[in-house]
Structure formats: structure tokens, C-alpha cells
N, C-alpha and C. Protein backbone atom coordinates (compact mmCIF):
# COMPACT_ATOMS: atom_id res chain seq x y z
N MET A 1 0.82 -1.12 -0.17
CA MET A 1 -0.14 -0.20 0.22
C MET A 1 0.94 1.01 0.08
N ARG A 2 0.30 2.09 -1.14
CA ARG A 2 1.24 3.52 -0.80
C ARG A 2 1.21 4.46 0.27
N VAL A 3 1.76 5.08 0.82
CA VAL A 3 1.93 5.94 1.87
C VAL A 3 0.56 6.87 1.53
N GLU A 4 -0.44 6.66 2.66
CA GLU A 4 -1.83 7.85 2.88
C GLU A 4 -1.27 8.65 3.97
N ARG A 5 -1.55 10.12 3.88
CA ARG A 5 -1.65 10.95 4.68
C ARG A 5 -2.74 11.92 4.57
N PRO A 6 -3.89 11.11 4.92
CA PRO A 6 -5.10 11.97 4.56
C PRO A 6 -5.37 13.48 5.21
N LEU A 7 -4.20 13.74 6.52
CA LEU A 7 -4.89 15.07 7.23
C LEU A 7 -3.80 15.82 6.74
N VAL A 8 -3.13 15.55 5.74
CA VAL A 8 -2.06 16.39 5.31
C VAL A 8 -2.97 17.90 4.77
N GLY A 9 -1.91 18.89 4.89
CA GLY A 9 -2.84 20.35 4.57
C GLY A 9 -4.06 21.03 4.77
N ARG A 10 -4.57 20.06 5.80
CA ARG A 10 -5.52 20.73 6.18
C ARG A 10 -5.51 21.60 7.61
N GLY A 11 -4.68 21.81 8.00
CA GLY A 11 -4.46 22.99 9.13
C GLY A 11 -4.51 22.80 10.46
N LEU A 12 -4.84 21.23 10.69
CA LEU A 12 -4.93 20.54 11.91
C LEU A 12 -3.84 20.58 13.00
N VAL A 13 -4.36 21.35 14.44
CA VAL A 13 -3.47 21.02 15.20
C VAL A 13 -2.23 19.43 15.46
N ALA A 14 -1.16 19.63 15.29
CA ALA A 14 -0.37 18.51 15.77
C ALA A 14 0.46 18.40 16.62
N TYR A 15 1.32 17.10 17.41
CA TYR A 15 2.44 17.47 18.30
C TYR A 15 3.08 16.26 17.38
N GLY A 16 4.54 16.76 17.32
CA GLY A 16 5.41 16.05 17.28
C GLY A 16 6.99 15.49 18.26
N GLY A 17 6.80 14.29 17.25
CA GLY A 17 7.93 13.09 18.35
C GLY A 17 9.08 13.01 17.12
N MET A 18 10.41 13.11 17.52
CA MET A 18 11.60 12.97 16.76
C MET A 18 12.36 12.01 17.81
N ASP A 19 13.04 11.12 17.06
CA ASP A 19 14.03 9.87 17.71
C ASP A 19 15.06 10.09 16.47
N LEU A 20 16.14 10.62 16.98
CA LEU A 20 17.36 10.61 16.10
C LEU A 20 18.39 10.21 16.87
N SER A 21 18.45 9.04 16.90
CA SER A 21 19.30 8.29 17.82
C SER A 21 20.69 8.11 17.53
N SER A 22 20.64 8.06 15.84
CA SER A 22 21.88 8.01 15.31
C SER A 22 21.77 8.73 14.13
N HIS A 23 22.52 9.05 13.46
CA HIS A 23 22.67 9.73 12.23
C HIS A 23 23.46 8.59 11.14
N LEU A 24 24.13 7.41 11.59
CA LEU A 24 23.94 6.35 10.34
C LEU A 24 23.16 5.42 10.27
N ASP A 25 22.06 5.30 11.10
CA ASP A 25 20.95 4.77 10.64
C ASP A 25 19.23 5.47 10.55
N LEU A 26 18.56 4.27 11.28
CA LEU A 26 17.22 4.47 10.92
C LEU A 26 16.63 6.24 11.68
N THR A 27 16.21 7.19 11.08
CA THR A 27 15.36 8.24 12.05
C THR A 27 14.01 8.30 11.66
N GLY A 28 13.42 8.73 13.08
CA GLY A 28 11.93 8.60 13.06
C GLY A 28 11.42 9.88 13.19
N PHE A 29 10.14 10.40 12.87
CA PHE A 29 9.18 11.62 13.53
C PHE A 29 8.03 11.42 13.31
N ALA A 30 7.02 11.65 13.97
CA ALA A 30 5.70 11.64 14.05
C ALA A 30 4.90 12.32 14.58
N ALA A 31 3.93 12.97 13.68
CA ALA A 31 3.09 13.88 14.11
C ALA A 31 1.46 13.42 14.65
N ALA A 32 1.21 13.39 15.81
CA ALA A 32 0.08 12.61 16.42
C ALA A 32 -0.88 14.23 16.48
N ILE A 33 -1.83 13.67 15.74
CA ILE A 33 -3.43 14.95 15.23
C ILE A 33 -4.53 14.78 15.93
N PRO A 34 -4.93 14.78 17.05
CA PRO A 34 -6.09 14.94 17.60
C PRO A 34 -7.31 15.39 16.63
N PHE A 35 -7.94 14.33 16.21
CA PHE A 35 -9.15 14.66 15.17
C PHE A 35 -10.01 13.58 15.25
N GLU A 36 -11.29 14.16 15.69
CA GLU A 36 -12.77 13.30 15.45
C GLU A 36 -12.48 12.26 16.16
N LYS A 37 -12.38 12.40 17.79
CA LYS A 37 -11.83 12.03 18.76
C LYS A 37 -10.99 10.67 18.74
N LYS A 38 -10.19 10.98 17.46
CA LYS A 38 -9.34 9.74 17.69
C LYS A 38 -7.62 10.85 17.48
N ILE A 39 -6.56 10.30 17.90
CA ILE A 39 -5.54 10.50 17.46
C ILE A 39 -4.91 9.90 16.28
N HIS A 40 -4.32 10.42 15.47
CA HIS A 40 -3.78 10.01 14.08
C HIS A 40 -2.29 10.53 13.56
N LEU A 41 -1.63 9.18 13.40
CA LEU A 41 -0.36 9.33 13.33
C LEU A 41 0.33 9.17 11.94
N ASP A 42 0.85 10.44 11.77
CA ASP A 42 1.40 10.60 10.62
C ASP A 42 2.80 10.39 10.90
N VAL A 43 3.63 9.24 10.54
CA VAL A 43 5.12 8.54 11.02
C VAL A 43 5.94 8.41 9.52
N TYR A 44 6.90 9.34 9.42
CA TYR A 44 8.10 9.64 8.26
C TYR A 44 9.06 8.88 9.04
N ALA A 45 10.31 8.74 8.14
CA ALA A 45 11.29 7.88 8.50
C ALA A 45 12.20 7.99 7.33
N TRP A 46 13.73 8.25 7.81
CA TRP A 46 14.53 8.48 6.85
C TRP A 46 16.12 7.20 7.12
N ILE A 47 17.02 7.19 6.22
CA ILE A 47 18.00 6.38 6.52
C ILE A 47 18.69 6.54 5.56
N PRO A 48 20.34 6.74 5.52
CA PRO A 48 21.54 7.02 4.82
C PRO A 48 21.34 5.62 4.11
N GLU A 49 22.12 5.64 2.91
CA GLU A 49 22.07 5.17 1.73
C GLU A 49 22.68 3.82 1.93
N ASP A 50 24.14 3.81 2.66
CA ASP A 50 24.77 2.71 3.20
C ASP A 50 24.03 1.83 4.18
N ALA A 51 23.61 2.28 5.30
CA ALA A 51 22.47 1.60 6.37
C ALA A 51 21.53 1.11 5.35
N PHE A 52 20.85 1.59 4.42
CA PHE A 52 19.40 1.12 4.08
C PHE A 52 19.97 0.21 2.69
N GLU A 53 21.46 0.14 2.61
CA GLU A 53 21.88 -1.72 1.81
C GLU A 53 22.01 -2.48 2.51
N VAL A 54 22.40 -2.46 4.12
CA VAL A 54 22.56 -3.24 4.56
C VAL A 54 21.08 -4.11 5.15
N ARG A 55 20.08 -3.03 5.91
CA ARG A 55 18.95 -3.01 6.51
C ARG A 55 18.12 -3.92 5.02
N GLU A 56 18.38 -3.52 3.89
CA GLU A 56 17.35 -4.40 2.86
C GLU A 56 17.67 -5.26 2.66
N THR A 57 19.18 -6.03 2.51
CA THR A 57 19.41 -6.81 2.46
C THR A 57 18.88 -7.95 3.51
N ALA A 58 19.55 -7.83 4.59
CA ALA A 58 18.98 -8.52 6.07
C ALA A 58 17.05 -8.27 6.12
N ASN A 59 16.50 -7.49 5.48
CA ASN A 59 14.82 -7.73 5.88
C ASN A 59 14.26 -7.86 4.41
N ARG A 60 14.98 -8.93 3.79
CA ARG A 60 14.53 -9.32 2.82
C ARG A 60 13.69 -8.15 1.85
N ASP A 61 14.42 -7.37 1.63
CA ASP A 61 13.70 -6.37 0.47
C ASP A 61 12.44 -5.39 0.92
N ARG A 62 12.66 -5.60 1.95
CA ARG A 62 10.95 -4.75 3.04
C ARG A 62 11.55 -3.44 2.91
N PHE A 63 12.66 -3.15 3.60
CA PHE A 63 12.98 -1.55 2.84
C PHE A 63 12.96 -0.99 1.88
N ARG A 64 13.59 -1.69 0.44
CA ARG A 64 13.37 -1.46 -0.73
C ARG A 64 11.90 -1.05 -1.02
N LEU A 65 10.82 -2.23 -0.68
CA LEU A 65 9.68 -1.76 -1.21
C LEU A 65 9.01 -0.33 0.03
N TRP A 66 9.17 -0.45 1.07
CA TRP A 66 8.81 0.97 1.68
C TRP A 66 9.11 2.31 0.91
N ARG A 67 10.57 1.99 0.38
CA ARG A 67 11.36 3.07 -0.22
C ARG A 67 10.20 3.52 -1.35
N ASP A 68 10.45 2.42 -2.16
CA ASP A 68 9.63 2.41 -3.67
C ASP A 68 8.19 3.26 -2.85
N LEU A 69 7.50 2.97 -2.07
CA LEU A 69 5.71 3.24 -1.88
C LEU A 69 5.69 4.15 -1.34
N GLY A 70 7.69 4.97 -1.13
CA GLY A 70 6.78 6.53 0.05
C GLY A 70 6.92 6.74 1.26
N TRP A 71 7.04 5.08 2.15
CA TRP A 71 7.35 5.43 3.69
C TRP A 71 8.77 5.87 4.30
N LEU A 72 9.54 5.54 3.13
CA LEU A 72 11.20 5.65 3.71
C LEU A 72 11.59 6.38 2.71
N THR A 73 12.40 7.43 3.34
CA THR A 73 13.27 8.45 2.47
C THR A 73 15.15 8.39 2.65
N VAL A 74 15.62 7.52 1.48
CA VAL A 74 17.04 7.22 1.67
C VAL A 74 17.88 8.52 1.04
N HIS A 75 18.68 8.80 2.71
CA HIS A 75 19.63 10.07 1.76
C HIS A 75 21.04 9.09 1.56
N PRO A 76 21.33 10.08 0.64
CA PRO A 76 22.97 9.32 -0.44
C PRO A 76 23.95 9.60 0.75
N GLY A 77 24.76 8.33 0.46
CA GLY A 77 26.18 8.37 1.35
C GLY A 77 25.92 7.57 2.85
N PRO A 78 27.08 8.07 3.51
CA PRO A 78 26.75 6.65 4.96
C PRO A 78 25.70 7.49 6.05
N VAL A 79 25.71 8.77 6.09
CA VAL A 79 24.78 9.43 7.42
C VAL A 79 23.67 9.70 6.86
N ILE A 80 22.79 10.12 7.74
CA ILE A 80 21.70 11.23 7.61
C ILE A 80 22.34 12.84 7.13
N ASP A 81 21.67 13.10 5.86
CA ASP A 81 21.85 14.58 5.60
C ASP A 81 21.18 15.45 6.74
N TYR A 82 21.62 15.95 7.69
CA TYR A 82 20.59 16.89 8.69
C TYR A 82 19.80 18.13 7.81
N GLU A 83 20.80 18.57 6.61
CA GLU A 83 20.25 19.36 5.97
C GLU A 83 19.01 18.97 4.94
N LEU A 84 19.15 18.09 4.40
CA LEU A 84 18.09 16.98 3.59
C LEU A 84 16.83 17.18 4.69
N LEU A 85 17.26 16.60 5.83
CA LEU A 85 16.14 16.29 6.95
C LEU A 85 15.35 17.60 7.32
N LEU A 86 15.93 18.16 7.63
CA LEU A 86 15.71 19.85 8.21
C LEU A 86 14.68 20.31 6.95
N ALA A 87 14.99 20.12 6.05
CA ALA A 87 14.33 20.35 4.66
C ALA A 87 12.74 19.72 5.16
N ASP A 88 12.87 18.53 5.05
CA ASP A 88 11.40 17.64 4.96
C ASP A 88 10.67 18.12 6.20
N LEU A 89 11.29 18.33 7.45
CA LEU A 89 10.83 18.79 8.63
C LEU A 89 10.03 19.91 8.36
N LYS A 90 10.40 20.81 7.53
CA LYS A 90 10.00 22.32 7.30
C LYS A 90 8.79 22.09 6.35
N GLN A 91 8.87 21.36 5.40
CA GLN A 91 7.92 20.93 4.91
C GLN A 91 6.64 20.05 6.04
N ILE A 92 7.06 19.36 6.85
CA ILE A 92 5.86 18.94 7.40
C ILE A 92 5.30 19.82 7.94
N LYS A 93 5.98 20.62 8.74
CA LYS A 93 5.52 22.09 9.51
C LYS A 93 4.44 22.82 8.69
N THR A 94 4.58 22.83 8.02
CA THR A 94 3.65 23.59 6.89
C THR A 94 2.30 22.81 6.69
N GLN A 95 2.63 21.73 6.75
CA GLN A 95 1.17 20.97 6.83
C GLN A 95 0.25 20.89 7.76
N TYR A 96 1.05 21.27 9.44
CA TYR A 96 -0.04 20.94 10.09
C TYR A 96 0.13 22.44 11.17
N LYS A 97 -0.12 22.17 12.23
CA LYS A 97 -0.82 23.54 13.01
C LYS A 97 0.25 22.74 14.06
N LEU A 98 1.86 22.77 14.14
CA LEU A 98 2.85 21.62 14.75
C LEU A 98 3.05 22.60 16.07
N LYS A 99 2.66 22.30 17.19
CA LYS A 99 2.21 23.41 18.38
C LYS A 99 3.63 22.59 19.13
N ALA A 100 4.51 21.38 19.40
CA ALA A 100 5.63 21.24 20.00
C ALA A 100 6.21 19.88 19.06
N VAL A 101 7.57 19.81 19.31
CA VAL A 101 8.25 18.62 18.80
C VAL A 101 8.80 17.85 20.27
N ALA A 102 8.48 16.67 20.41
CA ALA A 102 9.38 15.90 21.73
C ALA A 102 10.69 15.66 20.94
N PHE A 103 11.65 15.73 21.79
CA PHE A 103 12.99 15.14 21.48
C PHE A 103 14.05 15.10 22.53
N ASP A 104 14.53 13.93 22.36
CA ASP A 104 15.62 13.65 23.29
C ASP A 104 16.93 14.02 22.99
N PRO A 105 17.46 15.22 23.77
CA PRO A 105 18.99 16.17 23.13
C PRO A 105 19.82 15.28 23.62
N TRP A 106 20.06 13.45 24.25
CA TRP A 106 21.02 13.23 24.54
C TRP A 106 22.48 13.11 23.55
N GLY A 107 23.26 14.19 23.61
CA GLY A 107 24.48 13.70 22.60
C GLY A 107 23.69 14.40 20.93
N LEU A 108 22.31 15.11 21.18
CA LEU A 108 22.36 15.81 19.59
C LEU A 108 21.63 17.16 20.07
N GLU A 109 22.53 17.91 20.45
CA GLU A 109 22.51 19.46 20.79
C GLU A 109 22.31 20.05 19.31
N SER A 110 23.21 19.67 18.39
CA SER A 110 22.99 20.58 17.39
C SER A 110 21.66 20.53 16.51
N PRO A 111 21.39 19.46 15.98
CA PRO A 111 20.19 19.06 15.21
C PRO A 111 19.13 19.54 16.11
N ALA A 112 18.92 19.88 17.54
CA ALA A 112 17.92 20.39 18.40
C ALA A 112 18.22 22.09 17.86
N GLN A 113 19.08 22.23 18.28
CA GLN A 113 19.19 23.81 17.75
C GLN A 113 18.84 24.14 16.39
N ALA A 114 19.39 23.39 15.51
CA ALA A 114 18.94 23.44 13.88
C ALA A 114 17.34 24.04 13.90
N LEU A 115 16.64 22.82 14.64
CA LEU A 115 15.10 22.62 14.94
C LEU A 115 14.89 24.04 15.34
N THR A 116 15.43 24.21 16.30
CA THR A 116 14.66 25.90 17.33
C THR A 116 15.21 27.35 16.05
N LYS A 117 16.12 26.95 15.85
CA LYS A 117 16.65 28.28 15.03
C LYS A 117 15.23 28.16 13.74
N SER A 118 15.06 27.01 13.27
CA SER A 118 13.71 26.84 12.34
C SER A 118 12.06 27.27 12.61
N GLY A 119 12.14 27.48 13.97
CA GLY A 119 10.62 27.87 14.61
C GLY A 119 10.02 26.56 14.83
N PHE A 120 10.70 25.64 15.39
CA PHE A 120 10.19 24.49 15.93
C PHE A 120 10.40 24.98 17.39
N LYS A 121 9.75 24.77 18.15
CA LYS A 121 9.13 24.69 19.49
C LYS A 121 9.86 23.36 20.34
N ILE A 122 10.91 22.80 20.74
CA ILE A 122 11.60 21.61 21.11
C ILE A 122 11.29 21.56 22.67
N VAL A 123 10.91 20.49 22.91
CA VAL A 123 10.47 19.84 24.39
C VAL A 123 11.38 18.90 24.54
N ASP A 124 12.52 18.73 25.78
CA ASP A 124 13.11 18.03 25.97
C ASP A 124 12.25 16.80 26.59
N PHE A 125 12.37 15.46 26.03
CA PHE A 125 11.62 14.53 26.61
C PHE A 125 12.93 13.17 26.55
N ARG A 126 13.60 13.08 27.98
CA ARG A 126 14.48 12.07 28.10
C ARG A 126 13.76 10.65 28.24
N GLN A 127 14.46 9.69 27.15
CA GLN A 127 14.09 8.38 27.53
C GLN A 127 14.23 7.57 28.13
N GLY A 128 14.59 7.82 29.53
CA GLY A 128 14.91 7.86 30.74
C GLY A 128 13.20 7.06 31.07
N GLU A 129 13.27 6.04 32.35
CA GLU A 129 12.04 5.11 32.52
C GLU A 129 11.39 5.89 33.47
N LYS A 130 11.93 7.11 34.09
CA LYS A 130 10.69 8.11 34.75
C LYS A 130 10.13 8.67 34.18
N THR A 131 10.57 8.99 32.77
CA THR A 131 9.42 10.00 31.77
C THR A 131 9.00 8.90 30.59
N ILE A 132 9.78 7.90 30.00
CA ILE A 132 8.60 6.99 29.30
C ILE A 132 7.89 5.90 29.56
N SER A 133 7.83 5.09 30.38
CA SER A 133 7.15 4.32 31.10
C SER A 133 5.72 4.90 31.44
N PRO A 134 5.40 6.45 31.86
CA PRO A 134 3.84 6.86 31.67
C PRO A 134 3.27 7.04 30.07
N ALA A 135 4.36 7.65 29.44
CA ALA A 135 4.06 7.84 27.91
C ALA A 135 3.61 6.58 27.20
N VAL A 136 4.43 5.51 27.75
CA VAL A 136 3.96 4.42 26.97
C VAL A 136 2.64 3.47 27.36
N LYS A 137 2.25 3.70 28.64
CA LYS A 137 1.17 3.29 29.33
C LYS A 137 -0.24 4.09 28.62
N ASP A 138 0.14 5.43 28.30
CA ASP A 138 -0.71 6.27 27.57
C ASP A 138 -0.76 5.98 26.10
N PHE A 139 0.22 5.66 25.43
CA PHE A 139 0.08 5.12 24.32
C PHE A 139 -0.68 3.82 24.03
N GLU A 140 -0.06 2.84 24.76
CA GLU A 140 -0.90 1.26 24.81
C GLU A 140 -2.64 1.99 25.09
N ALA A 141 -2.53 2.90 25.85
CA ALA A 141 -4.40 3.16 26.30
C ALA A 141 -5.09 3.38 25.04
N VAL A 142 -4.06 4.76 24.44
CA VAL A 142 -5.07 4.87 22.95
C VAL A 142 -5.11 4.01 22.01
N VAL A 143 -4.22 3.15 21.68
CA VAL A 143 -4.08 2.07 20.79
C VAL A 143 -5.05 0.61 21.33
N TYR A 144 -5.38 0.40 22.60
CA TYR A 144 -6.13 -0.31 22.77
C TYR A 144 -8.00 -0.02 23.02
N SER A 145 -7.73 1.34 22.93
CA SER A 145 -9.18 1.97 23.31
C SER A 145 -9.71 2.30 21.81
N GLY A 146 -8.85 1.64 20.76
CA GLY A 146 -9.49 2.13 19.07
C GLY A 146 -9.42 3.16 19.04
N LYS A 147 -8.30 3.95 19.84
CA LYS A 147 -8.51 5.33 19.13
C LYS A 147 -7.35 6.15 18.54
N LEU A 148 -6.50 5.61 18.37
CA LEU A 148 -5.11 5.51 17.35
C LEU A 148 -5.40 5.19 15.78
N LYS A 149 -4.88 5.95 14.78
CA LYS A 149 -5.29 5.61 13.35
C LYS A 149 -3.84 5.77 13.37
N HIS A 150 -3.20 4.72 12.18
CA HIS A 150 -1.65 5.30 11.64
C HIS A 150 -1.73 4.79 10.63
N TYR A 151 -2.61 4.63 10.03
CA TYR A 151 -3.19 4.18 8.14
C TYR A 151 -2.31 3.31 7.89
N ASN A 152 -2.03 1.94 8.73
CA ASN A 152 -1.33 0.86 8.27
C ASN A 152 0.50 0.93 7.74
N ASN A 153 0.91 1.99 8.43
CA ASN A 153 2.26 2.26 8.15
C ASN A 153 2.94 0.92 8.54
N PRO A 154 3.79 0.66 7.35
CA PRO A 154 4.18 -0.79 7.47
C PRO A 154 5.59 -0.74 8.62
N ILE A 155 6.24 0.80 8.23
CA ILE A 155 7.47 0.75 9.08
C ILE A 155 7.29 0.77 10.99
N LEU A 156 5.84 1.51 10.94
CA LEU A 156 5.48 1.32 12.55
C LEU A 156 4.94 -0.30 12.94
N SER A 157 4.55 -0.72 11.86
CA SER A 157 4.01 -2.11 12.48
C SER A 157 5.62 -3.12 12.47
N TRP A 158 5.96 -2.75 11.64
CA TRP A 158 7.36 -3.98 12.13
C TRP A 158 8.28 -3.49 13.28
N CYS A 159 8.15 -1.96 13.64
CA CYS A 159 8.67 -1.54 14.74
C CYS A 159 8.02 -2.02 16.16
N MET A 160 6.90 -2.47 15.81
CA MET A 160 6.29 -3.00 16.98
C MET A 160 6.03 -4.33 16.76
N GLU A 161 6.55 -5.06 16.11
CA GLU A 161 6.99 -5.93 16.01
C GLU A 161 8.58 -6.53 16.88
N ASN A 162 9.37 -5.60 16.93
CA ASN A 162 10.93 -5.48 17.54
C ASN A 162 11.18 -5.28 18.93
N VAL A 163 10.07 -4.60 18.93
CA VAL A 163 9.80 -4.47 20.53
C VAL A 163 9.71 -5.01 21.66
N ARG A 164 10.32 -5.00 22.83
CA ARG A 164 9.91 -5.42 24.31
C ARG A 164 9.74 -4.69 24.93
N MET A 165 9.15 -4.93 26.21
CA MET A 165 8.65 -4.01 27.38
C MET A 165 9.71 -4.45 28.54
N GLU A 166 10.78 -3.49 28.89
CA GLU A 166 11.77 -4.23 29.89
C GLU A 166 11.32 -3.24 31.29
N LYS A 167 11.37 -4.07 32.58
CA LYS A 167 10.93 -2.80 33.79
C LYS A 167 12.28 -3.01 34.18
N GLY A 168 12.38 -1.53 34.68
CA GLY A 168 13.54 -0.84 35.41
C GLY A 168 13.44 -0.61 36.40
N PRO A 169 14.32 -0.61 37.40
CA PRO A 169 14.73 -0.68 38.77
C PRO A 169 13.45 0.17 39.56
N ALA A 170 12.84 1.23 38.58
CA ALA A 170 11.89 1.93 39.74
C ALA A 170 10.33 1.05 39.33
N GLY A 171 10.48 -0.07 38.47
CA GLY A 171 9.30 -0.57 38.87
C GLY A 171 8.51 -0.04 36.95
N GLY A 172 9.16 0.93 36.40
CA GLY A 172 8.24 1.32 35.27
C GLY A 172 8.78 0.46 34.00
N PHE A 173 8.15 0.60 32.98
CA PHE A 173 8.52 -0.24 31.85
C PHE A 173 9.11 0.93 30.87
N LYS A 174 9.83 0.09 30.16
CA LYS A 174 10.66 1.10 28.76
C LYS A 174 11.05 0.17 27.15
N PRO A 175 10.44 0.65 26.58
CA PRO A 175 10.70 -0.05 25.21
C PRO A 175 12.18 -0.28 24.91
N SER A 176 12.60 -1.43 24.62
CA SER A 176 13.77 -2.20 24.19
C SER A 176 13.78 -2.94 22.81
N LYS A 177 15.05 -2.87 22.25
CA LYS A 177 14.95 -3.82 21.10
C LYS A 177 15.94 -4.72 21.37
N ARG A 178 16.34 -5.36 22.57
CA ARG A 178 17.46 -6.00 22.96
C ARG A 178 17.49 -7.00 22.62
N HIS A 179 16.74 -7.95 21.82
CA HIS A 179 16.32 -9.06 21.77
C HIS A 179 15.87 -9.25 19.93
N SER A 180 16.09 -7.61 19.63
CA SER A 180 15.91 -7.88 17.68
C SER A 180 16.86 -7.29 17.16
N THR A 181 17.32 -7.49 15.94
CA THR A 181 17.54 -6.95 15.14
C THR A 181 17.64 -5.65 14.21
N GLY A 182 16.09 -5.27 15.02
CA GLY A 182 15.32 -4.59 13.85
C GLY A 182 15.49 -3.29 14.95
N LYS A 183 14.48 -2.32 14.15
CA LYS A 183 14.54 -0.81 14.76
C LYS A 183 13.53 -0.19 15.43
N ILE A 184 13.32 0.19 16.11
CA ILE A 184 12.39 0.98 17.33
C ILE A 184 12.19 2.33 16.92
N ASP A 185 13.11 3.31 16.43
CA ASP A 185 13.13 4.79 16.19
C ASP A 185 11.54 5.48 16.02
N PRO A 186 11.22 4.65 15.05
CA PRO A 186 9.74 5.68 14.28
C PRO A 186 8.19 5.38 15.59
N LEU A 187 8.77 3.85 16.25
CA LEU A 187 7.98 3.87 17.25
C LEU A 187 8.06 4.62 18.33
N MET A 188 9.37 4.78 19.05
CA MET A 188 9.97 5.78 20.18
C MET A 188 9.47 7.68 19.51
N ALA A 189 9.31 7.75 18.46
CA ALA A 189 8.92 9.17 17.89
C ALA A 189 7.23 9.39 18.08
N SER A 190 6.94 7.96 17.85
CA SER A 190 5.16 7.89 18.05
C SER A 190 4.46 7.81 19.20
N ILE A 191 5.45 7.10 20.24
CA ILE A 191 4.94 7.18 21.26
C ILE A 191 4.70 8.87 22.20
N MET A 192 6.42 9.31 21.81
CA MET A 192 6.56 10.86 22.27
C MET A 192 5.64 11.72 22.25
N ALA A 193 5.17 11.65 20.69
CA ALA A 193 4.02 12.46 20.04
C ALA A 193 2.89 12.20 20.44
N VAL A 194 2.50 10.97 20.63
CA VAL A 194 0.98 10.58 21.41
C VAL A 194 0.91 11.00 22.65
N ALA A 195 2.40 11.40 23.41
CA ALA A 195 2.08 11.82 24.75
C ALA A 195 2.06 12.95 25.16
N MET A 196 2.66 14.03 24.05
CA MET A 196 2.44 15.24 23.77
C MET A 196 1.09 15.62 23.33
N ALA A 197 0.43 14.81 22.73
CA ALA A 197 -1.05 14.92 21.87
C ALA A 197 -2.01 15.01 23.17
N GLU A 198 -1.52 14.01 24.24
CA GLU A 198 -2.22 13.66 25.20
C GLU A 198 -2.24 15.04 26.50
N GLN A 199 -1.34 15.84 26.71
CA GLN A 199 -1.07 16.61 27.49
C GLN A 199 -1.49 17.58 27.11
N GLY A 200 -1.47 18.29 25.72
CA GLY A 200 -2.25 19.11 25.26
C GLY A 200 -3.89 19.00 25.06
N LYS A 201 -4.24 17.67 24.88
CA LYS A 201 -5.72 17.66 25.49
C LYS A 201 -6.28 17.97 26.69
N HIS A 202 -5.42 17.85 27.43
CA HIS A 202 -6.01 17.89 29.09
C HIS A 202 -5.12 19.28 29.53
N GLY A 203 -4.28 19.88 28.93
CA GLY A 203 -4.08 21.76 28.95
C GLY A 203 -3.42 21.65 29.92
N PRO A 204 -2.40 23.02 29.84
CA PRO A 204 -1.30 22.93 31.03
C PRO A 204 -1.73 22.66 32.61
N LYS A 205 -2.87 22.83 32.80
CA LYS A 205 -3.11 22.71 34.60
C LYS A 205 -3.55 21.26 34.49
N THR A 206 -4.06 20.63 33.98
CA THR A 206 -4.58 19.30 34.38
C THR A 206 -3.95 18.19 33.16
N SER A 207 -2.86 18.38 33.12
CA SER A 207 -2.07 17.68 32.03
C SER A 207 -1.57 16.42 32.71
N VAL A 208 -1.84 15.07 32.14
CA VAL A 208 -1.93 13.66 33.02
C VAL A 208 -0.62 13.57 33.48
N TYR A 209 0.41 14.34 32.91
CA TYR A 209 1.65 14.22 33.14
C TYR A 209 2.46 15.23 34.63
N SER A 210 1.66 16.47 34.87
CA SER A 210 1.73 17.05 35.69
C SER A 210 2.48 16.57 37.17
N ASN A 211 2.38 15.41 37.12
CA ASN A 211 2.46 15.03 38.50
C ASN A 211 3.42 13.55 38.14
N ARG A 212 3.90 13.52 36.71
CA ARG A 212 4.89 12.58 36.55
C ARG A 212 6.02 12.90 36.26
N GLU A 213 5.97 14.26 36.28
CA GLU A 213 7.41 14.75 35.28
C GLU A 213 8.00 14.25 34.01
N MET A 214 7.23 14.41 33.21
CA MET A 214 7.91 14.04 31.87
C MET A 214 8.50 14.38 31.29
N LEU A 215 8.96 15.85 31.49
CA LEU A 215 9.69 16.56 30.80
C LEU A 215 11.37 16.08 31.87
N MET A 216 11.70 14.86 32.64
CA MET A 216 12.67 14.83 33.49
C MET A 216 13.04 13.75 32.90
N GLY A 217 14.29 13.20 32.64
CA GLY A 217 14.92 12.09 32.47
C GLY A 217 14.77 10.99 33.68
């Protein structure tokens, strides 16, 4: 199925999540759009050409199919081209009223600064257990209540196959790909985006994260 983005260009409020864990491999961005009592996910993924060739072979041509259908963007060379990535993100920003983008800045201060300079409101979202565990619970609640629409995004579905939940020392759960050779970056971006959308829905005074220290890793 070719990429489907039915809410693009309609000027709807959206909340973003960005997982840029490595410029050598898969990068994910998700826009969570509250619309008609559901949360719609518009998920994007990028990968450098060198990593694409390795993963395309290892994953039985699925990466090549996703590229050809428009779900995956391949950058030339061995690393993610931040200028090309920023250009794509700016284009996405024109399609929605993007309120904020959740971003784990650990070791990635330069991309975060570039996004801020380009007019994005960046919210630090550390992916530690204390922060991500309540976000995961809310993501699961949206999924199991039937309120999440992701338009059969095959990359997101693949990430769901790769992830396992590991219990941390504080008793919370954190997504892990420890037992998989696959990736979960677009899923992490989606979890953060949905968390932002849920916070936005409840408002700053009654945020579901107000007592969970969402912005502290």
C-alpha cells in the first residue's frame, strides 16, 4: 500500500515526536493529530544509503519496498544528511499547526538547535524510565481503546514487532530492542508524539503528566 496521509494540508493541530538516535541509521518523526475523537499518526522515516543497503538485504527487500512506496526516505551516502532532514521537517511543519516536538537531546544538541532556529518549539523528552514509562502506558491506552489511526504504516508495524517492554529498577517499563536486530525509532517518536498530544488535550493545568515529571529523564 502506498503512503497515505489524509490529514496533510488541512491546518490541523499536531504534536511531534522525533527519535534521532543515530545519524548512521534509521531516524523517525511522528505527528500526532487529535481529530474526530481519535489520534491520527503521520509517521516519517529516513535512513542513509549505506545502512539502507545493509538493512534492505537483511530484511528481505522490505526496506526497498517501503522506499518505493514512499514510506521511507533514503539519503545518499553513509550518514543522515541533516540539511535534507531539516528541509523535510520544515515541509511537514507547513502541513500542520505543529505545537511542539518532543526530542531526546542526549548527544544531539546540534540538531535540536537547528530545529529551534527554524521555528520549531522543542520539548526535552528524556527517554529514561521515569519519563517514558507513563508515556508508554498512555500510548497503549490509546491503542487498545481503538483511538489510534496510523494508516497501516508498515514501518511502524515492523517496529511494533521488534519492541519488547523491559521493567526498570523503579518498576516502570521502557521499550527495548535488546532481543531484536530490527529498529524501533519511529515507534519511539510515535510514543512521544502521542504523549504530547495527550498532554495538549488535558491542558497545562490538568496535564496527565503534571505529577509524573514528563520532561525529566
